[in-house]
Amino acid sequence: MTTLLYQTDSYLKEFNALVTAVDENIRTVVLDRSAFYPGGGGQLCDTGFLSLDELAWEVTRVRKGAAGVEHTLGGSDPLPASGVTLHGLINWERRYQLMRTHTALHILCGVVFRDYGALVTGGDMEPLKGRMDFEFESLTKELVQVIEEAVNREVNQARPIKVQILPRQQAFDIPDLIRTKINLLPPDIQEVRVVELVGLDLQADGGTHVHNTSEVGLIKIVDYKSKGKINKRLYMELE
């Protein structure tokens, strides 16, 4: 399986890796290690390039497959052969925007859970914007303004963000992770990646984040909607 370099270093922009499998039909290569995020948890996959000497292939899609992380390569040039070493380059501007957005959603989640006890029911994101659904019975314009002010205070608190990979049972023993439905993880997953916004939020999470909440920048809640009796949606944008 592919070693997931982004799990321990989300700021890694370039890397070298060995091609372990090639599928000419769907134009994918599997690498022994990769810094490309394959998507999941509402976060889009990374894009970028893989290169070999003077040849370069655009990485248009990344996803987890049975043999490891599959990188879909654009263009019509012949694919690299299994066993060669490629150089990977992440589309960093897009990745960093997604990192800021993902952390912003965790700030929003942490504030709403801390201040109102509302659980998350869903979420999604694009670079510099996203939405999150909560178990709110009612939501008003005035309350949305209060929430926006609270999340920006947390940005300005410059809270450090810690990432740990814990044994499954140790993760189960953390009470705050219960709200992330960690108990639904398949039994064959023996390690859990935990992301902590120190003093605010703690979740099992596989995506990429910035090192400090101050990197997120100004958060604007630009809209809200009712999606059901106890399901309300907040729309967020970053500058």
C-alpha atoms as a PDB file:
ATOM      1  CA  MET A   1       0.000   0.000   0.000  1.00  0.00           C
ATOM      2  CA  THR A   2       0.992   3.620  -0.516  1.00  0.00           C
ATOM      3  CA  THR A   3       2.677   5.472   2.365  1.00  0.00           C
ATOM      4  CA  LEU A   4       0.590   8.623   2.873  1.00  0.00           C
ATOM      5  CA  LEU A   5       3.151  11.390   3.257  1.00  0.00           C
ATOM      6  CA  TYR A   6       0.545  14.139   3.713  1.00  0.00           C
ATOM      7  CA  GLN A   7      -0.680  12.523   6.923  1.00  0.00           C
ATOM      8  CA  THR A   8       2.415  13.600   8.822  1.00  0.00           C
ATOM      9  CA  ASP A   9       3.502  16.606   6.727  1.00  0.00           C
ATOM     10  CA  SER A  10       0.728  18.541   5.000  1.00  0.00           C
ATOM     11  CA  TYR A  11       3.281  21.177   3.890  1.00  0.00           C
ATOM     12  CA  LEU A  12       5.273  18.720   1.756  1.00  0.00           C
ATOM     13  CA  LYS A  13       5.105  20.098  -1.801  1.00  0.00           C
ATOM     14  CA  GLU A  14       7.532  17.768  -3.626  1.00  0.00           C
ATOM     15  CA  PHE A  15       8.626  14.153  -3.222  1.00  0.00           C
ATOM     16  CA  ASN A  16      10.152  11.197  -5.046  1.00  0.00           C
ATOM     17  CA  ALA A  17       8.378   7.849  -5.273  1.00  0.00           C
ATOM     18  CA  LEU A  18       8.555   4.455  -6.962  1.00  0.00           C
ATOM     19  CA  VAL A  19       5.858   3.358  -9.424  1.00  0.00           C
ATOM     20  CA  THR A  20       4.412   0.076  -8.121  1.00  0.00           C
ATOM     21  CA  ALA A  21       1.500  -0.439 -10.532  1.00  0.00           C
ATOM     22  CA  VAL A  22       0.305   0.949 -13.887  1.00  0.00           C
ATOM     23  CA  ASP A  23      -3.129   0.695 -15.543  1.00  0.00           C
ATOM     24  CA  GLU A  24      -2.983   1.834 -19.167  1.00  0.00           C
ATOM     25  CA  ASN A  25      -6.750   1.541 -19.635  1.00  0.00           C
ATOM     26  CA  ILE A  26      -7.665   4.195 -17.080  1.00  0.00           C
ATOM     27  CA  ARG A  27      -4.259   5.946 -17.173  1.00  0.00           C
ATOM     28  CA  THR A  28      -3.412   5.524 -13.500  1.00  0.00           C
ATOM     29  CA  VAL A  29      -0.195   4.839 -11.623  1.00  0.00           C
ATOM     30  CA  VAL A  30       0.170   3.684  -8.034  1.00  0.00           C
ATOM     31  CA  LEU A  31       3.194   4.907  -6.056  1.00  0.00           C
ATOM     32  CA  ASP A  32       4.930   3.419  -3.023  1.00  0.00           C
ATOM     33  CA  ARG A  33       4.595   6.822  -1.293  1.00  0.00           C
ATOM     34  CA  SER A  34       2.632   9.952  -2.107  1.00  0.00           C
ATOM     35  CA  ALA A  35       1.984  13.467  -0.826  1.00  0.00           C
ATOM     36  CA  PHE A  36      -1.152  13.758  -2.998  1.00  0.00           C
ATOM     37  CA  TYR A  37      -4.325  13.785  -0.898  1.00  0.00           C
ATOM     38  CA  PRO A  38      -6.771  11.282  -2.471  1.00  0.00           C
ATOM     39  CA  GLY A  39      -9.938  13.074  -1.363  1.00  0.00           C
ATOM     40  CA  GLY A  40     -12.409  12.210   1.353  1.00  0.00           C
ATOM     41  CA  GLY A  41     -14.260  13.708   4.303  1.00  0.00           C
ATOM     42  CA  GLY A  42     -15.563  16.518   2.118  1.00  0.00           C
ATOM     43  CA  GLN A  43     -12.079  17.590   0.997  1.00  0.00           C
ATOM     44  CA  LEU A  44     -11.265  17.419  -2.714  1.00  0.00           C
ATOM     45  CA  CYS A  45      -8.266  15.459  -3.959  1.00  0.00           C
ATOM     46  CA  ASP A  46      -5.021  17.187  -4.848  1.00  0.00           C
ATOM     47  CA  THR A  47      -3.813  17.940  -8.364  1.00  0.00           C
ATOM     48  CA  GLY A  48      -0.301  18.547  -9.654  1.00  0.00           C
ATOM     49  CA  PHE A  49       2.370  16.796 -11.726  1.00  0.00           C
ATOM     50  CA  LEU A  50       4.488  13.642 -11.846  1.00  0.00           C
ATOM     51  CA  SER A  51       7.691  13.862 -13.853  1.00  0.00           C
ATOM     52  CA  LEU A  52      10.596  11.749 -15.091  1.00  0.00           C
ATOM     53  CA  ASP A  53      13.579  13.584 -16.562  1.00  0.00           C
ATOM     54  CA  GLU A  54      12.084  15.803 -19.315  1.00  0.00           C
ATOM     55  CA  LEU A  55       8.687  14.093 -19.271  1.00  0.00           C
ATOM     56  CA  ALA A  56       5.828  15.392 -17.151  1.00  0.00           C
ATOM     57  CA  TRP A  57       2.289  14.115 -16.622  1.00  0.00           C
ATOM     58  CA  GLU A  58      -0.491  16.225 -15.134  1.00  0.00           C
ATOM     59  CA  VAL A  59      -2.178  14.550 -12.159  1.00  0.00           C
ATOM     60  CA  THR A  60      -5.862  15.230 -12.759  1.00  0.00           C
ATOM     61  CA  ARG A  61      -7.387  12.949 -10.130  1.00  0.00           C
ATOM     62  CA  VAL A  62      -6.226  11.031  -7.065  1.00  0.00           C
ATOM     63  CA  ARG A  63      -8.139   8.335  -5.209  1.00  0.00           C
ATOM     64  CA  LYS A  64      -7.587   5.345  -2.962  1.00  0.00           C
ATOM     65  CA  GLY A  65      -7.680   1.996  -4.732  1.00  0.00           C
ATOM     66  CA  ALA A  66      -7.208  -1.624  -3.782  1.00  0.00           C
ATOM     67  CA  ALA A  67      -3.452  -1.530  -4.475  1.00  0.00           C
ATOM     68  CA  GLY A  68      -2.796   1.932  -3.029  1.00  0.00           C
ATOM     69  CA  VAL A  69      -3.297   5.560  -4.026  1.00  0.00           C
ATOM     70  CA  GLU A  70      -4.142   5.818  -7.740  1.00  0.00           C
ATOM     71  CA  HIS A  71      -2.942   8.901  -9.622  1.00  0.00           C
ATOM     72  CA  THR A  72      -4.816   9.586 -12.872  1.00  0.00           C
ATOM     73  CA  LEU A  73      -2.523  11.129 -15.492  1.00  0.00           C
ATOM     74  CA  GLY A  74      -3.764  13.452 -18.221  1.00  0.00           C
ATOM     75  CA  GLY A  75      -2.547  13.803 -21.776  1.00  0.00           C
ATOM     76  CA  SER A  76      -1.732  11.089 -24.294  1.00  0.00           C
ATOM     77  CA  ASP A  77       1.976  10.456 -23.609  1.00  0.00           C
ATOM     78  CA  PRO A  78       2.885   6.860 -22.716  1.00  0.00           C
ATOM     79  CA  LEU A  79       2.694   6.228 -18.988  1.00  0.00           C
ATOM     80  CA  PRO A  80       5.816   5.629 -16.901  1.00  0.00           C
ATOM     81  CA  ALA A  81       6.750   2.002 -16.370  1.00  0.00           C
ATOM     82  CA  SER A  82       6.423   0.143 -13.119  1.00  0.00           C
ATOM     83  CA  GLY A  83       9.657   0.273 -11.148  1.00  0.00           C
ATOM     84  CA  VAL A  84      10.799   3.756 -12.199  1.00  0.00           C
ATOM     85  CA  THR A  85      11.158   6.667  -9.770  1.00  0.00           C
ATOM     86  CA  LEU A  86       9.025   9.749 -10.376  1.00  0.00           C
ATOM     87  CA  HIS A  87       9.136  13.247  -8.945  1.00  0.00           C
ATOM     88  CA  GLY A  88       5.835  14.505  -7.563  1.00  0.00           C
ATOM     89  CA  LEU A  89       4.845  18.167  -7.401  1.00  0.00           C
ATOM     90  CA  ILE A  90       1.657  19.288  -5.631  1.00  0.00           C
ATOM     91  CA  ASN A  91      -0.449  22.166  -6.950  1.00  0.00           C
ATOM     92  CA  TRP A  92       0.428  24.074  -3.790  1.00  0.00           C
ATOM     93  CA  GLU A  93      -1.758  27.162  -4.189  1.00  0.00           C
ATOM     94  CA  ARG A  94      -4.871  24.983  -4.457  1.00  0.00           C
ATOM     95  CA  ARG A  95      -3.744  22.614  -1.690  1.00  0.00           C
ATOM     96  CA  TYR A  96      -3.027  25.458   0.738  1.00  0.00           C
ATOM     97  CA  GLN A  97      -6.425  27.004   0.046  1.00  0.00           C
ATOM     98  CA  LEU A  98      -8.029  23.659   0.852  1.00  0.00           C
ATOM     99  CA  MET A  99      -5.931  23.353   4.026  1.00  0.00           C
ATOM    100  CA  ARG A 100      -7.085  26.781   5.210  1.00  0.00           C
ATOM    101  CA  THR A 101     -10.693  25.931   4.328  1.00  0.00           C
ATOM    102  CA  HIS A 102     -10.587  22.571   6.089  1.00  0.00           C
ATOM    103  CA  THR A 103      -9.180  24.113   9.262  1.00  0.00           C
ATOM    104  CA  ALA A 104     -11.806  26.882   9.078  1.00  0.00           C
ATOM    105  CA  LEU A 105     -14.543  24.241   9.045  1.00  0.00           C
ATOM    106  CA  HIS A 106     -13.011  22.632  12.127  1.00  0.00           C
ATOM    107  CA  ILE A 107     -13.000  26.028  13.847  1.00  0.00           C
ATOM    108  CA  LEU A 108     -16.680  26.437  12.987  1.00  0.00           C
ATOM    109  CA  CYS A 109     -17.434  22.906  14.196  1.00  0.00           C
ATOM    110  CA  GLY A 110     -15.534  23.466  17.438  1.00  0.00           C
ATOM    111  CA  VAL A 111     -17.235  26.775  18.208  1.00  0.00           C
ATOM    112  CA  VAL A 112     -20.749  25.505  17.483  1.00  0.00           C
ATOM    113  CA  PHE A 113     -20.211  22.339  19.532  1.00  0.00           C
ATOM    114  CA  ARG A 114     -18.635  24.241  22.442  1.00  0.00           C
ATOM    115  CA  ASP A 115     -21.162  27.072  22.568  1.00  0.00           C
ATOM    116  CA  TYR A 116     -24.386  25.319  21.543  1.00  0.00           C
ATOM    117  CA  GLY A 117     -23.753  21.572  21.775  1.00  0.00           C
ATOM    118  CA  ALA A 118     -24.851  21.133  18.150  1.00  0.00           C
ATOM    119  CA  LEU A 119     -23.489  18.106  16.314  1.00  0.00           C
ATOM    120  CA  VAL A 120     -22.313  18.126  12.698  1.00  0.00           C
ATOM    121  CA  THR A 121     -24.545  16.259  10.247  1.00  0.00           C
ATOM    122  CA  GLY A 122     -22.605  16.932   7.039  1.00  0.00           C
ATOM    123  CA  GLY A 123     -20.168  19.166   5.243  1.00  0.00           C
ATOM    124  CA  ASP A 124     -18.382  19.894   2.003  1.00  0.00           C
ATOM    125  CA  MET A 125     -15.682  22.254   0.747  1.00  0.00           C
ATOM    126  CA  GLU A 126     -13.971  23.808  -2.239  1.00  0.00           C
ATOM    127  CA  PRO A 127     -10.908  26.051  -2.190  1.00  0.00           C
ATOM    128  CA  LEU A 128     -11.756  29.036   0.067  1.00  0.00           C
ATOM    129  CA  LYS A 129     -15.398  28.128   0.628  1.00  0.00           C
ATOM    130  CA  GLY A 130     -17.445  25.406   2.240  1.00  0.00           C
ATOM    131  CA  ARG A 131     -20.646  24.515   4.033  1.00  0.00           C
ATOM    132  CA  MET A 132     -21.465  22.644   7.207  1.00  0.00           C
ATOM    133  CA  ASP A 133     -24.736  21.231   8.518  1.00  0.00           C
ATOM    134  CA  PHE A 134     -25.613  21.179  12.224  1.00  0.00           C
ATOM    135  CA  GLU A 135     -28.352  19.817  14.468  1.00  0.00           C
ATOM    136  CA  PHE A 136     -29.938  23.219  15.126  1.00  0.00           C
ATOM    137  CA  GLU A 137     -33.700  23.522  15.654  1.00  0.00           C
ATOM    138  CA  SER A 138     -33.629  27.231  14.821  1.00  0.00           C
ATOM    139  CA  LEU A 139     -31.090  29.585  13.354  1.00  0.00           C
ATOM    140  CA  THR A 140     -31.437  33.350  12.997  1.00  0.00           C
ATOM    141  CA  LYS A 141     -29.467  36.084  11.276  1.00  0.00           C
ATOM    142  CA  GLU A 142     -28.489  37.448  14.679  1.00  0.00           C
ATOM    143  CA  LEU A 143     -27.197  34.079  15.872  1.00  0.00           C
ATOM    144  CA  VAL A 144     -25.241  33.589  12.640  1.00  0.00           C
ATOM    145  CA  GLN A 145     -23.515  36.926  13.290  1.00  0.00           C
ATOM    146  CA  VAL A 146     -22.627  35.836  16.826  1.00  0.00           C
ATOM    147  CA  ILE A 147     -21.172  32.579  15.474  1.00  0.00           C
ATOM    148  CA  GLU A 148     -19.139  34.430  12.832  1.00  0.00           C
ATOM    149  CA  GLU A 149     -17.639  36.724  15.462  1.00  0.00           C
ATOM    150  CA  ALA A 150     -16.815  33.718  17.681  1.00  0.00           C
ATOM    151  CA  VAL A 151     -15.027  31.764  14.932  1.00  0.00           C
ATOM    152  CA  ASN A 152     -12.904  34.789  14.000  1.00  0.00           C
ATOM    153  CA  ARG A 153     -11.894  35.207  17.624  1.00  0.00           C
ATOM    154  CA  GLU A 154     -10.580  31.645  17.469  1.00  0.00           C
ATOM    155  CA  VAL A 155      -8.639  32.479  14.299  1.00  0.00           C
ATOM    156  CA  ASN A 156      -7.038  35.402  16.136  1.00  0.00           C
ATOM    157  CA  GLN A 157      -6.242  33.188  19.140  1.00  0.00           C
ATOM    158  CA  ALA A 158      -3.558  31.609  16.921  1.00  0.00           C
ATOM    159  CA  ARG A 159      -4.249  28.138  18.263  1.00  0.00           C
ATOM    160  CA  PRO A 160      -1.647  25.526  17.268  1.00  0.00           C
ATOM    161  CA  ILE A 161      -2.871  22.462  15.395  1.00  0.00           C
ATOM    162  CA  LYS A 162      -1.525  19.050  16.375  1.00  0.00           C
ATOM    163  CA  VAL A 163      -1.763  15.860  14.333  1.00  0.00           C
ATOM    164  CA  GLN A 164      -1.289  12.426  15.887  1.00  0.00           C
ATOM    165  CA  ILE A 165      -1.718   8.872  14.628  1.00  0.00           C
ATOM    166  CA  LEU A 166      -2.975   6.792  17.550  1.00  0.00           C
ATOM    167  CA  PRO A 167      -3.689   3.109  18.137  1.00  0.00           C
ATOM    168  CA  ARG A 168      -7.405   2.445  17.690  1.00  0.00           C
ATOM    169  CA  GLN A 169      -8.095   1.678  21.349  1.00  0.00           C
ATOM    170  CA  GLN A 170      -6.254   4.763  22.555  1.00  0.00           C
ATOM    171  CA  ALA A 171      -8.355   6.870  20.189  1.00  0.00           C
ATOM    172  CA  PHE A 172     -11.532   5.198  21.478  1.00  0.00           C
ATOM    173  CA  ASP A 173     -10.552   6.276  24.989  1.00  0.00           C
ATOM    174  CA  ILE A 174     -10.748   9.987  24.056  1.00  0.00           C
ATOM    175  CA  PRO A 175     -14.282  11.135  24.975  1.00  0.00           C
ATOM    176  CA  ASP A 176     -14.323  14.098  22.570  1.00  0.00           C
ATOM    177  CA  LEU A 177     -13.963  11.780  19.580  1.00  0.00           C
ATOM    178  CA  ILE A 178     -17.329  10.145  20.240  1.00  0.00           C
ATOM    179  CA  ARG A 179     -19.129  12.925  18.363  1.00  0.00           C
ATOM    180  CA  THR A 180     -17.159  12.104  15.218  1.00  0.00           C
ATOM    181  CA  LYS A 181     -18.702   8.608  15.150  1.00  0.00           C
ATOM    182  CA  ILE A 182     -15.278   7.008  15.439  1.00  0.00           C
ATOM    183  CA  ASN A 183     -17.032   3.810  16.527  1.00  0.00           C
ATOM    184  CA  LEU A 184     -18.181   3.369  12.904  1.00  0.00           C
ATOM    185  CA  LEU A 185     -14.620   2.813  11.689  1.00  0.00           C
ATOM    186  CA  PRO A 186     -14.169  -0.666  10.180  1.00  0.00           C
ATOM    187  CA  PRO A 187     -12.524  -3.080  12.652  1.00  0.00           C
ATOM    188  CA  ASP A 188      -9.512  -3.615  10.362  1.00  0.00           C
ATOM    189  CA  ILE A 189      -8.455   0.036  10.829  1.00  0.00           C
ATOM    190  CA  GLN A 190      -6.072  -0.207  13.760  1.00  0.00           C
ATOM    191  CA  GLU A 191      -4.670   3.339  13.702  1.00  0.00           C
ATOM    192  CA  VAL A 192      -6.637   6.581  13.845  1.00  0.00           C
ATOM    193  CA  ARG A 193      -5.365   9.986  12.738  1.00  0.00           C
ATOM    194  CA  VAL A 194      -6.420  12.677  15.197  1.00  0.00           C
ATOM    195  CA  VAL A 195      -6.400  16.423  14.456  1.00  0.00           C
ATOM    196  CA  GLU A 196      -6.514  18.806  17.423  1.00  0.00           C
ATOM    197  CA  LEU A 197      -7.075  22.557  17.358  1.00  0.00           C
ATOM    198  CA  VAL A 198      -5.538  22.938  20.784  1.00  0.00           C
ATOM    199  CA  GLY A 199      -8.102  24.132  23.301  1.00  0.00           C
ATOM    200  CA  LEU A 200     -11.000  24.104  20.831  1.00  0.00           C
ATOM    201  CA  ASP A 201     -11.576  21.014  18.690  1.00  0.00           C
ATOM    202  CA  LEU A 202     -10.482  17.379  18.561  1.00  0.00           C
ATOM    203  CA  GLN A 203     -11.541  15.019  15.779  1.00  0.00           C
ATOM    204  CA  ALA A 204     -10.609  11.867  13.927  1.00  0.00           C
ATOM    205  CA  ASP A 205      -9.714  13.274  10.520  1.00  0.00           C
ATOM    206  CA  GLY A 206      -7.759  12.202   7.443  1.00  0.00           C
ATOM    207  CA  GLY A 207      -7.421  15.521   5.638  1.00  0.00           C
ATOM    208  CA  THR A 208      -4.796  18.252   5.471  1.00  0.00           C
ATOM    209  CA  HIS A 209      -4.648  21.289   7.769  1.00  0.00           C
ATOM    210  CA  VAL A 210      -2.562  24.386   8.426  1.00  0.00           C
ATOM    211  CA  HIS A 211      -0.228  24.567  11.434  1.00  0.00           C
ATOM    212  CA  ASN A 212      -2.038  27.381  13.243  1.00  0.00           C
ATOM    213  CA  THR A 213      -5.539  28.875  13.168  1.00  0.00           C
ATOM    214  CA  SER A 214      -4.043  32.297  12.377  1.00  0.00           C
ATOM    215  CA  GLU A 215      -3.205  31.015   8.869  1.00  0.00           C
ATOM    216  CA  VAL A 216      -6.910  30.638   8.063  1.00  0.00           C
ATOM    217  CA  GLY A 217      -7.583  34.372   7.742  1.00  0.00           C
ATOM    218  CA  LEU A 218     -10.950  36.086   7.964  1.00  0.00           C
ATOM    219  CA  ILE A 219     -13.959  33.747   7.964  1.00  0.00           C
ATOM    220  CA  LYS A 220     -17.249  35.051   6.595  1.00  0.00           C
ATOM    221  CA  ILE A 221     -20.533  33.191   7.038  1.00  0.00           C
ATOM    222  CA  VAL A 222     -22.237  34.319   3.861  1.00  0.00           C
ATOM    223  CA  ASP A 223     -25.544  32.448   4.070  1.00  0.00           C
ATOM    224  CA  TYR A 224     -27.598  29.958   6.058  1.00  0.00           C
ATOM    225  CA  LYS A 225     -30.518  27.685   5.211  1.00  0.00           C
ATOM    226  CA  SER A 226     -32.876  25.242   6.870  1.00  0.00           C
ATOM    227  CA  LYS A 227     -32.392  21.713   5.547  1.00  0.00           C
ATOM    228  CA  GLY A 228     -34.924  20.121   7.887  1.00  0.00           C
ATOM    229  CA  LYS A 229     -36.593  20.430  11.286  1.00  0.00           C
ATOM    230  CA  ILE A 230     -33.310  20.056  13.192  1.00  0.00           C
ATOM    231  CA  ASN A 231     -30.826  20.448  10.348  1.00  0.00           C
ATOM    232  CA  LYS A 232     -29.443  23.886   9.489  1.00  0.00           C
ATOM    233  CA  ARG A 233     -26.713  24.718   6.969  1.00  0.00           C
ATOM    234  CA  LEU A 234     -24.054  27.431   7.242  1.00  0.00           C
ATOM    235  CA  TYR A 235     -22.134  28.646   4.181  1.00  0.00           C
ATOM    236  CA  MET A 236     -18.621  29.970   4.744  1.00  0.00           C
ATOM    237  CA  GLU A 237     -16.042  31.808   2.627  1.00  0.00           C
ATOM    238  CA  LEU A 238     -12.426  32.863   3.193  1.00  0.00           C
ATOM    239  CA  GLU A 239     -10.609  35.842   1.736  1.00  0.00           C
END
